[in-house]
N, C-alpha and C. Protein backbone atom coordinates (compact mmCIF):
# COMPACT_ATOMS: atom_id res chain seq x y z
N MET A 1 -12.57 -0.31 -12.80
CA MET A 1 -13.24 -0.13 -11.52
C MET A 1 -13.87 1.26 -11.47
N LYS A 2 -15.03 1.35 -10.93
CA LYS A 2 -15.73 2.63 -10.83
C LYS A 2 -15.43 3.27 -9.47
N TYR A 3 -15.06 4.52 -9.53
CA TYR A 3 -14.80 5.28 -8.32
C TYR A 3 -15.79 6.44 -8.26
N PRO A 4 -16.51 6.59 -7.15
CA PRO A 4 -17.45 7.71 -7.04
C PRO A 4 -16.71 9.05 -6.95
N ARG A 5 -17.37 10.09 -7.40
CA ARG A 5 -16.78 11.43 -7.33
C ARG A 5 -16.51 11.77 -5.88
N PRO A 6 -15.29 12.21 -5.59
CA PRO A 6 -14.94 12.50 -4.19
C PRO A 6 -15.54 13.83 -3.71
N ASN A 7 -15.71 13.91 -2.41
CA ASN A 7 -16.14 15.17 -1.81
C ASN A 7 -14.95 15.94 -1.25
N LYS A 8 -13.76 15.55 -1.68
CA LYS A 8 -12.52 16.18 -1.26
C LYS A 8 -11.83 16.79 -2.48
N PRO A 9 -10.93 17.74 -2.26
CA PRO A 9 -10.21 18.30 -3.41
C PRO A 9 -9.29 17.24 -4.03
N ILE A 10 -8.86 17.51 -5.25
CA ILE A 10 -7.97 16.61 -5.96
C ILE A 10 -6.60 17.26 -6.04
N PHE A 11 -5.57 16.53 -5.63
CA PHE A 11 -4.19 17.02 -5.70
C PHE A 11 -3.64 16.68 -7.08
N LEU A 12 -3.30 17.71 -7.85
CA LEU A 12 -2.73 17.55 -9.18
C LEU A 12 -1.22 17.74 -9.09
N TYR A 13 -0.48 16.89 -9.79
CA TYR A 13 0.97 17.03 -9.71
C TYR A 13 1.68 16.85 -11.04
N GLY A 14 1.28 16.32 -12.00
CA GLY A 14 2.10 16.08 -13.20
C GLY A 14 1.63 16.87 -14.39
N THR A 15 1.22 16.15 -15.39
CA THR A 15 0.77 16.78 -16.63
C THR A 15 -0.40 17.72 -16.39
N LEU A 16 -1.22 17.44 -15.40
CA LEU A 16 -2.40 18.27 -15.16
C LEU A 16 -2.09 19.62 -14.52
N LEU A 17 -0.82 19.88 -14.25
CA LEU A 17 -0.44 21.23 -13.84
C LEU A 17 -0.42 22.15 -15.06
N GLN A 18 -0.36 21.56 -16.24
CA GLN A 18 -0.35 22.33 -17.48
C GLN A 18 -1.78 22.58 -17.94
N LYS A 19 -2.08 23.82 -18.20
CA LYS A 19 -3.44 24.21 -18.59
C LYS A 19 -3.90 23.48 -19.84
N LYS A 20 -3.03 23.23 -20.79
CA LYS A 20 -3.45 22.58 -22.03
C LYS A 20 -4.03 21.19 -21.77
N TRP A 21 -3.49 20.47 -20.79
CA TRP A 21 -4.02 19.14 -20.47
C TRP A 21 -5.35 19.25 -19.74
N ARG A 22 -5.45 20.20 -18.81
CA ARG A 22 -6.74 20.39 -18.11
C ARG A 22 -7.83 20.80 -19.10
N ASP A 23 -7.49 21.70 -20.03
CA ASP A 23 -8.46 22.13 -21.03
C ASP A 23 -8.91 20.97 -21.91
N ALA A 24 -8.03 20.01 -22.12
CA ALA A 24 -8.36 18.88 -22.99
C ALA A 24 -9.34 17.90 -22.34
N ILE A 25 -9.37 17.87 -21.00
CA ILE A 25 -10.24 16.87 -20.36
C ILE A 25 -11.39 17.45 -19.54
N PHE A 26 -11.28 18.71 -19.12
CA PHE A 26 -12.32 19.30 -18.30
C PHE A 26 -13.24 20.18 -19.14
N THR A 27 -14.51 20.26 -18.74
CA THR A 27 -15.48 21.08 -19.46
C THR A 27 -15.53 22.50 -18.94
N GLN A 28 -14.85 22.76 -17.85
CA GLN A 28 -14.82 24.10 -17.29
C GLN A 28 -13.45 24.36 -16.67
N GLU A 29 -13.19 25.63 -16.40
CA GLU A 29 -11.94 25.99 -15.75
C GLU A 29 -12.16 26.02 -14.25
N TYR A 30 -11.23 25.45 -13.52
CA TYR A 30 -11.33 25.39 -12.06
C TYR A 30 -10.30 26.32 -11.44
N THR A 31 -10.65 26.85 -10.28
CA THR A 31 -9.67 27.60 -9.50
C THR A 31 -8.76 26.59 -8.82
N LEU A 32 -7.47 26.81 -8.92
CA LEU A 32 -6.49 25.91 -8.32
C LEU A 32 -5.78 26.62 -7.18
N LYS A 33 -5.50 25.87 -6.13
CA LYS A 33 -4.79 26.41 -4.97
C LYS A 33 -3.46 25.68 -4.82
N ASN A 34 -2.43 26.40 -4.44
CA ASN A 34 -1.12 25.79 -4.23
C ASN A 34 -1.16 24.82 -3.06
N ALA A 35 -0.43 23.72 -3.22
CA ALA A 35 -0.34 22.72 -2.16
C ALA A 35 0.93 21.90 -2.37
N TYR A 36 1.29 21.14 -1.36
CA TYR A 36 2.41 20.21 -1.50
C TYR A 36 2.14 18.97 -0.67
N ILE A 37 2.79 17.89 -1.07
CA ILE A 37 2.66 16.62 -0.35
C ILE A 37 4.04 16.22 0.15
N LYS A 38 4.08 15.80 1.39
CA LYS A 38 5.34 15.38 2.00
C LYS A 38 5.56 13.88 1.78
N ASN A 39 6.81 13.52 1.72
CA ASN A 39 7.25 12.12 1.63
C ASN A 39 6.84 11.42 0.34
N TYR A 40 6.73 12.19 -0.74
CA TYR A 40 6.53 11.68 -2.08
C TYR A 40 7.42 12.46 -3.04
N ARG A 41 7.78 11.81 -4.15
CA ARG A 41 8.52 12.52 -5.19
C ARG A 41 8.01 12.10 -6.56
N ILE A 42 8.21 12.99 -7.51
CA ILE A 42 7.85 12.71 -8.89
C ILE A 42 9.01 12.02 -9.58
N VAL A 43 8.70 10.96 -10.31
CA VAL A 43 9.70 10.28 -11.13
C VAL A 43 9.11 10.02 -12.51
N TYR A 44 9.98 9.89 -13.48
CA TYR A 44 9.58 9.49 -14.83
C TYR A 44 10.04 8.06 -15.01
N PRO A 45 9.11 7.13 -14.95
CA PRO A 45 9.49 5.71 -14.97
C PRO A 45 10.06 5.28 -16.31
N VAL A 46 10.83 4.21 -16.26
CA VAL A 46 11.43 3.59 -17.44
C VAL A 46 10.80 2.21 -17.60
N ASN A 47 10.29 1.94 -18.79
CA ASN A 47 9.66 0.63 -19.00
C ASN A 47 10.72 -0.46 -19.12
N PRO A 48 10.32 -1.73 -19.11
CA PRO A 48 11.29 -2.82 -19.16
C PRO A 48 12.20 -2.81 -20.40
N LYS A 49 11.79 -2.12 -21.45
CA LYS A 49 12.62 -2.01 -22.66
C LYS A 49 13.61 -0.85 -22.58
N GLY A 50 13.60 -0.14 -21.46
CA GLY A 50 14.54 0.95 -21.26
C GLY A 50 14.07 2.31 -21.75
N LYS A 51 12.80 2.42 -22.14
CA LYS A 51 12.27 3.68 -22.63
C LYS A 51 11.67 4.49 -21.49
N LYS A 52 12.13 5.73 -21.37
CA LYS A 52 11.60 6.63 -20.34
C LYS A 52 10.23 7.12 -20.79
N LEU A 53 9.24 7.04 -19.91
CA LEU A 53 7.90 7.48 -20.23
C LEU A 53 7.79 9.00 -20.16
N TRP A 54 6.87 9.58 -20.90
CA TRP A 54 6.74 11.04 -20.99
C TRP A 54 5.94 11.62 -19.84
N TYR A 55 5.28 10.78 -19.06
CA TYR A 55 4.45 11.28 -17.97
C TYR A 55 5.02 10.81 -16.63
N PRO A 56 4.83 11.62 -15.59
CA PRO A 56 5.39 11.27 -14.29
C PRO A 56 4.45 10.42 -13.45
N ILE A 57 5.04 9.79 -12.44
CA ILE A 57 4.27 9.13 -11.40
C ILE A 57 4.78 9.66 -10.06
N LEU A 58 3.95 9.54 -9.07
CA LEU A 58 4.30 9.98 -7.73
C LEU A 58 4.57 8.75 -6.89
N VAL A 59 5.75 8.69 -6.29
CA VAL A 59 6.12 7.52 -5.50
C VAL A 59 6.56 7.95 -4.10
N PRO A 60 6.37 7.08 -3.12
CA PRO A 60 6.81 7.41 -1.76
C PRO A 60 8.32 7.61 -1.69
N LYS A 61 8.74 8.64 -0.99
CA LYS A 61 10.16 8.88 -0.74
C LYS A 61 10.27 9.75 0.49
N PHE A 62 10.68 9.14 1.60
CA PHE A 62 10.77 9.84 2.87
C PHE A 62 11.65 11.08 2.74
N GLY A 63 11.16 12.18 3.29
CA GLY A 63 11.92 13.42 3.32
C GLY A 63 11.75 14.30 2.10
N GLU A 64 11.13 13.80 1.05
CA GLU A 64 10.92 14.59 -0.17
C GLU A 64 9.62 15.39 -0.07
N VAL A 65 9.53 16.42 -0.88
CA VAL A 65 8.32 17.25 -0.96
C VAL A 65 8.00 17.45 -2.44
N THR A 66 6.74 17.28 -2.79
CA THR A 66 6.30 17.51 -4.17
C THR A 66 5.23 18.59 -4.16
N HIS A 67 5.45 19.61 -4.97
CA HIS A 67 4.49 20.71 -5.07
C HIS A 67 3.49 20.41 -6.17
N GLY A 68 2.28 20.89 -5.96
CA GLY A 68 1.21 20.70 -6.94
C GLY A 68 0.12 21.71 -6.71
N LYS A 69 -1.07 21.35 -7.15
CA LYS A 69 -2.24 22.23 -7.02
C LYS A 69 -3.43 21.42 -6.53
N LEU A 70 -4.31 22.08 -5.82
CA LEU A 70 -5.57 21.48 -5.40
C LEU A 70 -6.70 21.99 -6.29
N LEU A 71 -7.49 21.07 -6.77
CA LEU A 71 -8.68 21.37 -7.56
C LEU A 71 -9.89 21.03 -6.70
N PHE A 72 -10.77 21.99 -6.52
CA PHE A 72 -11.93 21.82 -5.65
C PHE A 72 -13.21 21.66 -6.47
N ASN A 73 -14.16 20.90 -5.93
CA ASN A 73 -15.52 20.81 -6.46
C ASN A 73 -15.61 20.38 -7.92
N ILE A 74 -14.94 19.31 -8.24
CA ILE A 74 -15.00 18.80 -9.62
C ILE A 74 -16.41 18.30 -9.92
N THR A 75 -16.86 18.54 -11.12
CA THR A 75 -18.19 18.08 -11.51
C THR A 75 -18.16 16.58 -11.79
N GLU A 76 -19.33 15.97 -11.78
CA GLU A 76 -19.44 14.54 -12.08
C GLU A 76 -18.88 14.23 -13.47
N ARG A 77 -19.24 15.05 -14.42
CA ARG A 77 -18.77 14.84 -15.80
C ARG A 77 -17.24 14.92 -15.90
N ASP A 78 -16.67 15.94 -15.27
CA ASP A 78 -15.21 16.09 -15.32
C ASP A 78 -14.51 15.00 -14.52
N TRP A 79 -15.14 14.51 -13.46
CA TRP A 79 -14.56 13.39 -12.70
C TRP A 79 -14.46 12.16 -13.59
N LYS A 80 -15.51 11.89 -14.35
CA LYS A 80 -15.48 10.74 -15.26
C LYS A 80 -14.40 10.92 -16.32
N SER A 81 -14.25 12.13 -16.83
CA SER A 81 -13.20 12.40 -17.81
C SER A 81 -11.82 12.22 -17.20
N LEU A 82 -11.67 12.64 -15.95
CA LEU A 82 -10.38 12.48 -15.27
C LEU A 82 -10.05 11.01 -15.06
N LEU A 83 -11.03 10.22 -14.67
CA LEU A 83 -10.81 8.78 -14.51
C LEU A 83 -10.37 8.15 -15.83
N GLU A 84 -11.00 8.56 -16.91
CA GLU A 84 -10.63 8.03 -18.23
C GLU A 84 -9.22 8.46 -18.61
N TYR A 85 -8.89 9.71 -18.36
CA TYR A 85 -7.56 10.24 -18.66
C TYR A 85 -6.48 9.48 -17.88
N GLU A 86 -6.70 9.27 -16.61
CA GLU A 86 -5.71 8.59 -15.77
C GLU A 86 -5.60 7.10 -16.11
N GLY A 87 -6.67 6.52 -16.57
CA GLY A 87 -6.63 5.12 -17.01
C GLY A 87 -6.46 4.14 -15.87
N GLU A 88 -6.12 2.92 -16.24
CA GLU A 88 -6.00 1.84 -15.26
C GLU A 88 -4.64 1.81 -14.57
N GLU A 89 -3.72 2.67 -14.98
CA GLU A 89 -2.39 2.68 -14.36
C GLU A 89 -2.37 3.47 -13.05
N TYR A 90 -3.40 4.27 -12.83
CA TYR A 90 -3.50 5.08 -11.63
C TYR A 90 -4.80 4.77 -10.92
N GLU A 91 -4.80 4.99 -9.61
CA GLU A 91 -6.04 4.86 -8.87
C GLU A 91 -6.16 6.03 -7.90
N PRO A 92 -7.38 6.56 -7.76
CA PRO A 92 -7.56 7.66 -6.83
C PRO A 92 -7.35 7.17 -5.39
N SER A 93 -6.50 7.88 -4.69
CA SER A 93 -6.12 7.48 -3.33
C SER A 93 -6.23 8.67 -2.39
N LEU A 94 -6.60 8.39 -1.16
CA LEU A 94 -6.68 9.43 -0.15
C LEU A 94 -5.27 9.74 0.36
N VAL A 95 -4.92 11.01 0.34
CA VAL A 95 -3.62 11.48 0.84
C VAL A 95 -3.85 12.72 1.69
N TYR A 96 -2.83 13.12 2.39
CA TYR A 96 -2.89 14.37 3.15
C TYR A 96 -1.86 15.32 2.57
N VAL A 97 -2.30 16.52 2.27
CA VAL A 97 -1.42 17.52 1.67
C VAL A 97 -1.46 18.78 2.52
N MET A 98 -0.49 19.62 2.28
CA MET A 98 -0.44 20.92 2.94
C MET A 98 -0.87 21.97 1.93
N GLN A 99 -1.94 22.68 2.27
CA GLN A 99 -2.40 23.76 1.40
C GLN A 99 -1.63 25.02 1.74
N ASN A 100 -0.99 25.61 0.74
CA ASN A 100 -0.23 26.84 0.94
C ASN A 100 -1.19 28.02 1.01
N HIS A 101 -0.96 28.85 1.99
CA HIS A 101 -1.72 30.09 2.09
C HIS A 101 -0.75 31.24 1.86
N ASP A 102 -1.19 32.44 2.03
CA ASP A 102 -0.27 33.55 1.83
C ASP A 102 0.85 33.51 2.88
N LYS A 103 1.85 34.32 2.65
CA LYS A 103 3.05 34.26 3.49
C LYS A 103 2.82 34.65 4.94
N ASN A 104 1.68 35.24 5.25
CA ASN A 104 1.39 35.67 6.61
C ASN A 104 0.55 34.68 7.41
N SER A 105 0.19 33.56 6.81
CA SER A 105 -0.62 32.57 7.53
C SER A 105 0.04 31.20 7.46
N HIS A 106 -0.44 30.31 8.29
CA HIS A 106 0.12 28.97 8.35
C HIS A 106 -0.47 28.09 7.26
N ASN A 107 0.33 27.10 6.85
CA ASN A 107 -0.19 26.11 5.92
C ASN A 107 -1.17 25.21 6.65
N LYS A 108 -2.10 24.65 5.90
CA LYS A 108 -3.15 23.84 6.49
C LYS A 108 -3.10 22.43 5.92
N LYS A 109 -3.08 21.43 6.80
CA LYS A 109 -3.09 20.03 6.37
C LYS A 109 -4.52 19.61 6.07
N ILE A 110 -4.74 19.10 4.85
CA ILE A 110 -6.08 18.68 4.48
C ILE A 110 -6.04 17.34 3.73
N ALA A 111 -7.15 16.63 3.79
CA ALA A 111 -7.30 15.38 3.04
C ALA A 111 -7.63 15.72 1.59
N ALA A 112 -7.05 14.96 0.68
CA ALA A 112 -7.29 15.17 -0.75
C ALA A 112 -7.23 13.82 -1.46
N VAL A 113 -7.68 13.82 -2.68
CA VAL A 113 -7.58 12.64 -3.54
C VAL A 113 -6.45 12.88 -4.52
N CYS A 114 -5.61 11.87 -4.67
CA CYS A 114 -4.47 11.96 -5.57
C CYS A 114 -4.41 10.68 -6.40
N PHE A 115 -4.13 10.81 -7.68
CA PHE A 115 -4.00 9.63 -8.53
C PHE A 115 -2.57 9.09 -8.40
N LEU A 116 -2.48 7.95 -7.75
CA LEU A 116 -1.20 7.28 -7.52
C LEU A 116 -1.11 6.05 -8.42
N PRO A 117 0.11 5.67 -8.80
CA PRO A 117 0.25 4.49 -9.65
C PRO A 117 -0.19 3.23 -8.90
N THR A 118 -0.76 2.30 -9.65
CA THR A 118 -1.17 1.03 -9.05
C THR A 118 0.05 0.22 -8.68
N LYS A 119 -0.14 -0.81 -7.87
CA LYS A 119 0.97 -1.70 -7.49
C LYS A 119 1.55 -2.38 -8.73
N LYS A 120 0.69 -2.69 -9.68
CA LYS A 120 1.15 -3.32 -10.93
C LYS A 120 2.11 -2.39 -11.68
N VAL A 121 1.77 -1.12 -11.74
CA VAL A 121 2.65 -0.15 -12.40
C VAL A 121 3.97 -0.05 -11.66
N LEU A 122 3.91 0.05 -10.34
CA LEU A 122 5.14 0.17 -9.56
C LEU A 122 6.04 -1.05 -9.74
N ALA A 123 5.44 -2.22 -9.92
CA ALA A 123 6.23 -3.45 -10.10
C ALA A 123 6.73 -3.60 -11.54
N SER A 124 6.14 -2.89 -12.49
CA SER A 124 6.46 -3.08 -13.91
C SER A 124 7.51 -2.14 -14.45
N TYR A 125 7.76 -1.06 -13.75
CA TYR A 125 8.66 -0.03 -14.27
C TYR A 125 9.84 0.19 -13.32
N TYR A 126 10.88 0.76 -13.88
CA TYR A 126 12.04 1.17 -13.09
C TYR A 126 11.95 2.68 -12.90
N TYR A 127 12.40 3.15 -11.76
CA TYR A 127 12.41 4.59 -11.51
C TYR A 127 13.51 4.92 -10.54
């Protein structure tokens, strides 16, 4: 499925918090801002054969908080690379995150795009 490049920041939470993975898929370096999402947690799913996967997924969990980074103004080329990297197991979804500011100001709730596992993935794995 084709997803148009969003006009909102992208919330990164798993492997893409590591610079080596961003460098592997993006053509430029982006400024990242601290953020967190409420009522979600990171899990490492286990496939039906009992093997734990090396990459995380973000799943709903009331009361949990997951920290990540916001990436702003992704280019069309890098958006296409990100879609390819995430594959068919994830889909870009609209979420609301809290952007962390310095300790003297309030956090700000903003809309962002986050790659969440598809329903098929959630039904296929244990976590």
